[in-house]
Structure formats: structure tokens, C-alpha cells
Protein backbone atom coordinates (compact mmCIF):
# COMPACT_ATOMS: atom_id res chain seq x y z
CA MET A 1 -0.14 0.21 0.07
CA ARG A 2 3.00 2.38 0.41
CA ALA A 3 2.99 2.64 -3.43
CA LEU A 4 -0.30 4.46 -3.49
CA PRO A 5 1.06 8.00 -2.34
CA TRP A 6 3.60 7.85 -5.00
CA LEU A 7 1.22 6.65 -7.82
CA PHE A 8 -1.15 9.60 -7.05
CA LEU A 9 1.96 11.85 -7.39
CA VAL A 10 2.43 10.72 -10.77
CA VAL A 11 -0.94 11.13 -11.74
CA LEU A 12 -0.84 14.92 -10.60
CA ALA A 13 2.17 15.47 -12.02
CA ALA A 14 1.20 14.15 -15.60
CA VAL A 15 -2.24 16.24 -15.43
CA SER A 16 -0.50 19.45 -14.20
CA GLY A 17 1.85 18.99 -17.19
CA CYS A 18 -1.11 18.69 -19.86
CA ALA A 19 -3.05 21.73 -18.31
CA ARG A 20 -2.19 25.34 -19.99
CA ALA A 21 -3.70 29.01 -19.30
CA ASP A 22 -5.73 30.54 -21.90
CA ALA A 23 -3.67 33.62 -22.05
CA PRO A 24 0.11 33.38 -22.82
CA ASP A 25 2.68 34.39 -19.53
CA PRO A 26 4.10 36.98 -20.22
CA GLU A 27 1.18 38.61 -21.98
CA PRO A 28 2.51 40.41 -25.01
CA ASP A 29 1.33 43.93 -25.89
CA LEU A 30 -0.36 43.31 -29.40
CA ILE A 31 -1.37 46.77 -29.72
CA GLU A 32 2.18 48.20 -29.37
CA GLU A 33 3.61 45.48 -31.76
CA TYR A 34 0.82 46.76 -34.56
CA TRP A 35 2.11 50.25 -33.91
CA GLU A 36 5.70 49.09 -34.39
CA SER A 37 5.13 47.00 -37.55
CA ALA A 38 4.81 47.92 -41.26
CA SER A 39 3.78 44.57 -42.72
CA VAL A 40 0.30 43.71 -41.13
CA GLU A 41 -1.59 41.50 -43.01
CA HIS A 42 -5.10 42.41 -44.36
CA ASP A 43 -4.35 45.62 -42.28
CA ARG A 44 -7.27 48.03 -42.57
CA LEU A 45 -5.11 51.28 -41.65
CA PRO A 46 -2.86 50.84 -44.80
CA GLY A 47 -0.46 53.37 -46.64
CA TYR A 48 1.54 54.59 -43.68
CA GLY A 49 4.82 53.94 -45.23
CA ALA A 50 7.29 51.08 -45.79
CA ALA A 51 9.34 51.59 -42.74
CA PRO A 52 8.03 51.03 -39.16
CA GLU A 53 9.12 54.55 -37.85
CA ASP A 54 7.13 56.16 -40.91
CA ARG A 55 4.20 54.18 -39.81
CA GLN A 56 4.58 55.27 -36.07
CA ALA A 57 4.86 58.91 -36.99
CA ASP A 58 1.89 58.94 -39.25
CA LEU A 59 -0.33 56.95 -36.87
CA ALA A 60 0.79 59.06 -34.02
CA ALA A 61 -0.21 62.04 -36.08
CA HIS A 62 -3.75 60.92 -36.23
CA TYR A 63 -4.53 58.45 -33.33
CA SER A 64 -3.60 58.51 -29.89
CA PRO A 65 -3.32 54.99 -28.31
CA GLU A 66 -6.58 54.88 -26.85
CA GLN A 67 -8.07 56.21 -30.32
CA LEU A 68 -6.03 53.44 -32.15
CA VAL A 69 -7.40 50.79 -30.23
CA SER A 70 -11.00 52.02 -30.30
CA ARG A 71 -10.67 52.11 -34.13
CA LEU A 72 -9.15 48.94 -34.68
CA MET A 73 -11.41 47.14 -32.19
CA SER A 74 -14.66 48.89 -32.89
CA VAL A 75 -17.75 47.24 -34.86
CA PHE A 76 -18.14 48.78 -38.10
CA GLU A 77 -20.63 48.48 -41.09
CA CYS A 78 -19.24 46.34 -44.11
CA THR A 79 -19.04 48.38 -47.28
CA ASP A 80 -18.52 47.02 -50.74
CA ARG A 81 -15.71 49.31 -51.72
CA ALA A 82 -12.49 50.11 -49.53
CA ASP A 83 -12.44 53.78 -47.91
CA THR A 84 -10.47 55.75 -50.50
CA ARG A 85 -9.61 58.70 -48.16
CA PRO A 86 -5.90 58.73 -47.64
CA ARG A 87 -6.19 57.71 -43.82
CA GLY A 88 -9.45 56.14 -43.94
CA PHE A 89 -10.41 52.82 -41.80
CA ASP A 90 -10.95 50.38 -45.04
CA THR A 91 -14.37 48.66 -44.09
CA SER A 92 -14.86 46.78 -47.32
CA CYS A 93 -15.71 42.98 -46.54
CA ASP A 94 -15.41 40.39 -48.93
CA LEU A 95 -17.79 37.68 -47.83
CA GLY A 96 -17.09 34.40 -49.61
CA PRO A 97 -19.89 31.79 -50.43
CA ALA A 98 -19.53 29.95 -47.17
CA ALA A 99 -19.77 33.28 -45.11
CA GLN A 100 -22.84 34.28 -47.19
CA ARG A 101 -24.65 30.96 -46.18
CA ALA A 102 -23.63 31.55 -42.70
CA VAL A 103 -24.82 34.73 -42.48
CA ARG A 104 -28.42 33.82 -43.92
CA ASP A 105 -28.55 30.63 -41.67
CA ALA A 106 -27.93 33.13 -38.85
CA GLY A 107 -31.02 35.08 -40.08
CA GLY A 108 -28.67 37.91 -41.53
CA ASP A 109 -28.61 39.73 -44.99
CA PRO A 110 -25.02 39.41 -46.54
CA ARG A 111 -25.84 42.69 -48.09
CA HIS A 112 -25.89 44.35 -44.64
CA VAL A 113 -23.54 43.09 -42.44
CA SER A 114 -21.16 44.54 -39.65
CA GLY A 115 -17.70 43.32 -38.94
CA ARG A 116 -15.21 43.35 -36.44
CA VAL A 117 -11.16 42.37 -36.26
CA LEU A 118 -9.50 40.33 -34.20
CA LEU A 119 -5.47 41.20 -33.83
CA VAL A 120 -3.94 38.00 -34.51
CA LYS A 121 -0.17 36.88 -33.76
CA ARG A 122 0.91 33.90 -35.63
CA SER A 123 3.35 31.54 -33.80
CA ASP A 124 5.99 32.55 -36.20
CA GLY A 125 5.62 36.16 -34.98
CA GLY A 126 3.63 37.55 -38.02
CA LEU A 127 0.90 40.09 -37.48
CA GLU A 128 -2.89 39.89 -38.94
CA LEU A 129 -5.96 41.52 -38.64
CA MET A 130 -8.88 38.74 -39.18
CA THR A 131 -12.32 39.84 -39.90
CA LEU A 132 -15.34 38.25 -38.42
CA PHE A 133 -19.04 39.04 -39.61
CA LEU A 134 -21.61 39.86 -37.17
CA ALA A 135 -25.21 38.81 -37.85
CA ASN A 136 -28.07 38.33 -35.41
CA GLY A 137 -25.79 37.88 -32.33
CA LYS A 138 -23.74 35.43 -34.00
CA ALA A 139 -19.92 35.85 -35.41
CA ILE A 140 -19.19 34.24 -38.46
CA ASP A 141 -15.42 33.65 -39.89
CA ALA A 142 -14.21 33.53 -43.46
CA SER A 143 -14.85 29.68 -43.84
CA GLY A 144 -18.49 30.17 -42.46
CA GLY A 145 -17.94 29.17 -39.01
CA THR A 146 -20.70 30.41 -36.68
CA TYR A 147 -19.94 30.90 -32.87
CA SER A 148 -21.96 32.72 -30.15
CA SER A 149 -18.95 33.49 -27.76
CA LEU A 150 -15.41 34.04 -27.77
CA ASP A 151 -14.93 30.44 -25.87
CA GLU A 152 -16.89 28.93 -28.90
CA PHE A 153 -14.53 30.55 -31.53
CA ARG A 154 -11.54 29.49 -29.45
CA ALA A 155 -12.98 25.85 -29.24
CA GLY A 156 -14.31 25.44 -32.93
CA ASN A 157 -12.19 27.57 -35.60
CA ASP A 158 -10.23 25.99 -37.97
CA LEU A 159 -8.20 29.24 -38.88
CA LEU A 160 -5.92 29.64 -35.88
CA ASP A 161 -3.79 27.33 -33.94
CA ALA A 162 -3.17 26.66 -30.56
CA ASP A 163 0.04 28.70 -30.41
CA ASP A 164 -1.34 31.70 -32.35
CA VAL A 165 -2.18 34.72 -29.78
CA ILE A 166 -5.27 37.29 -30.33
CA LEU A 167 -6.40 40.27 -28.95
CA ALA A 168 -10.37 39.90 -29.20
CA PRO A 169 -13.13 41.21 -27.61
CA SER A 170 -14.64 39.48 -24.48
CA ASP A 171 -17.91 39.59 -25.71
CA LEU A 172 -17.34 38.53 -29.31
CA THR A 173 -20.91 39.18 -30.74
CA LYS A 174 -21.62 42.51 -28.96
CA THR A 175 -22.14 45.39 -30.91
CA ASP A 176 -22.42 48.53 -28.88
CA GLY A 177 -21.14 49.72 -25.26
CA ASP A 178 -18.02 48.69 -23.22
CA ASN A 179 -16.36 45.67 -24.47
CA ARG A 180 -13.33 44.23 -22.10
CA LEU A 181 -10.40 43.22 -24.58
CA VAL A 182 -8.70 40.12 -23.98
CA THR A 183 -5.27 38.43 -25.11
CA VAL A 184 -5.82 35.00 -25.39
CA TYR A 185 -4.73 31.82 -27.65
CA GLY A 186 -6.49 31.61 -30.78
CA ARG A 187 -7.51 27.86 -30.24
CA THR A 188 -8.26 26.11 -27.14
CA PRO A 189 -6.03 23.00 -26.90
CA TRP A 190 -6.88 19.50 -26.37
CA ASP A 191 -7.36 19.13 -22.55
CA GLY A 192 -7.01 15.32 -21.74
CA ARG A 193 -7.30 16.07 -18.05
CA PRO A 194 -10.84 14.17 -18.05
CA TRP A 195 -9.20 11.35 -19.73
CA LEU A 196 -6.43 11.51 -17.49
CA LEU A 197 -8.20 11.57 -14.30
CA GLY A 198 -10.59 8.60 -15.33
CA GLY A 199 -7.58 6.56 -16.49
CA ALA A 200 -5.88 7.12 -13.39
CA GLY A 201 -8.85 6.22 -11.28
CA VAL A 202 -8.76 3.00 -13.26
CA VAL A 203 -5.25 2.55 -12.48
CA VAL A 204 -5.41 3.07 -8.87
CA LEU A 205 -8.55 0.78 -8.56
CA VAL A 206 -6.27 -2.21 -10.21
CA VAL A 207 -3.31 -1.44 -8.09
CA VAL A 208 -5.45 -1.58 -4.80
CA SER A 209 -7.00 -4.48 -6.13
CA LEU A 210 -3.80 -6.35 -6.82
CA LEU A 211 -2.34 -5.24 -3.37
CA VAL A 212 -5.38 -6.66 -1.73
CA ARG A 213 -5.36 -9.93 -3.03
CA ARG A 214 -1.51 -10.25 -2.91
CA ARG A 215 -1.89 -9.47 0.94
CA ALA A 216 -4.67 -12.04 1.33
CA ARG A 217 -2.70 -14.70 -0.14
CA SER A 218 0.30 -13.71 1.98
């Protein structure tokens, strides 16, 4: 029976080793990285110069840090064409067939849809603005995936990996009022803890049974 405490320690170590927090530690400042980068994929604030220092100077001339965050992360009405003003925020949305079907299935109209972006940092360090479409309380991605919450998006999307990091509103489908921003991993990794705990329980029962039988025989 003295082997049981060691068995429990091994099981606990395995379980804790498979657990991972939702947010990276240390947490990156994705807005600062966006500010300093001149190569953001699908950027909706394009045309700020090829060099990072040119981009920073131009952004600083038109946005405070708070204004930049608000402009990037606020919901906007999708348009067919990009804003052609020199420093306009690009509100154009290209809904493919899958996204259009998902908008209709959610009870929305693909011709009149809102959008919002997630600021994504890929595992290789690249930055991207990923657009989600909002329709009737649902968030819809470019592949037609439909989600009711940020947790659902992180658990079910096929566009991000578990090592990608995103800056996103905590309430993914909220279209007005305050909305707290969170920095989390873009996809929820598989959590094997329930299986590990169940398997550990079976192992413990088997070991206890063997020890009892051995003791009875002796």
C-alpha cells in the first residue's frame, strides 16, 4: 500500500503537465506590436509608409493610443468598396460563399452585415487583422464557422492554431457599449485532463485490487 502515494503524485504531475492557461505568460502587448509593424496582413489602416518609424509617426499624427485601439477593435458597417480617403479605415468586406451562407443561416443579410477584427499574432511572429462578420447575435468567420461567444470561437475555429495569440473582445458578438479586450490563445488546446483522471482512477483501482489480493494470499 505504500506505493499508492507515489502513484497519486505521478498522476497529479501528468495532469498538471497537460494543463495550459488560456493566456500566454508573459502577455504580449499586441497593440504596441501593431503600432511598430509595417507589415500587418489584411491591415485596415494601410498606406502609412514602408518603414516602421514612418508608420509610427503617421499613426501618432492621427491617433492617440486609445483612439487607435478604439478604431481597430470597434464594430463597423461593412461596405463593398474600401474607403479611399488617405487615412480612412478600410471597411470593405469580401464575404465568400461559405460566409454568405452562414450569415443567411443566422438570419442575417449578407448585403447588410457588420464586421469586427481580431488582432492576431501567429506562432511565427507575423501579425494579421482577421475579420469576423456579425449577424443576429452570431460571429461568423471567413470559412463559414458560426459562434455565439469567444469561447466557442476558440474551441471550434479552423483558422488559428493553439500557439497563435489574439487580441479580441471578451464578448465576441456585442455590437455596442463597452467591451473588455482580452489577450488569449487563438484556439483552445485539447484538454486531456478528464481522460487522464479517469484513466488514473482505473489504474488506482487495479493496483489496490492487486495489493489486496497479494496481501490476502500472504
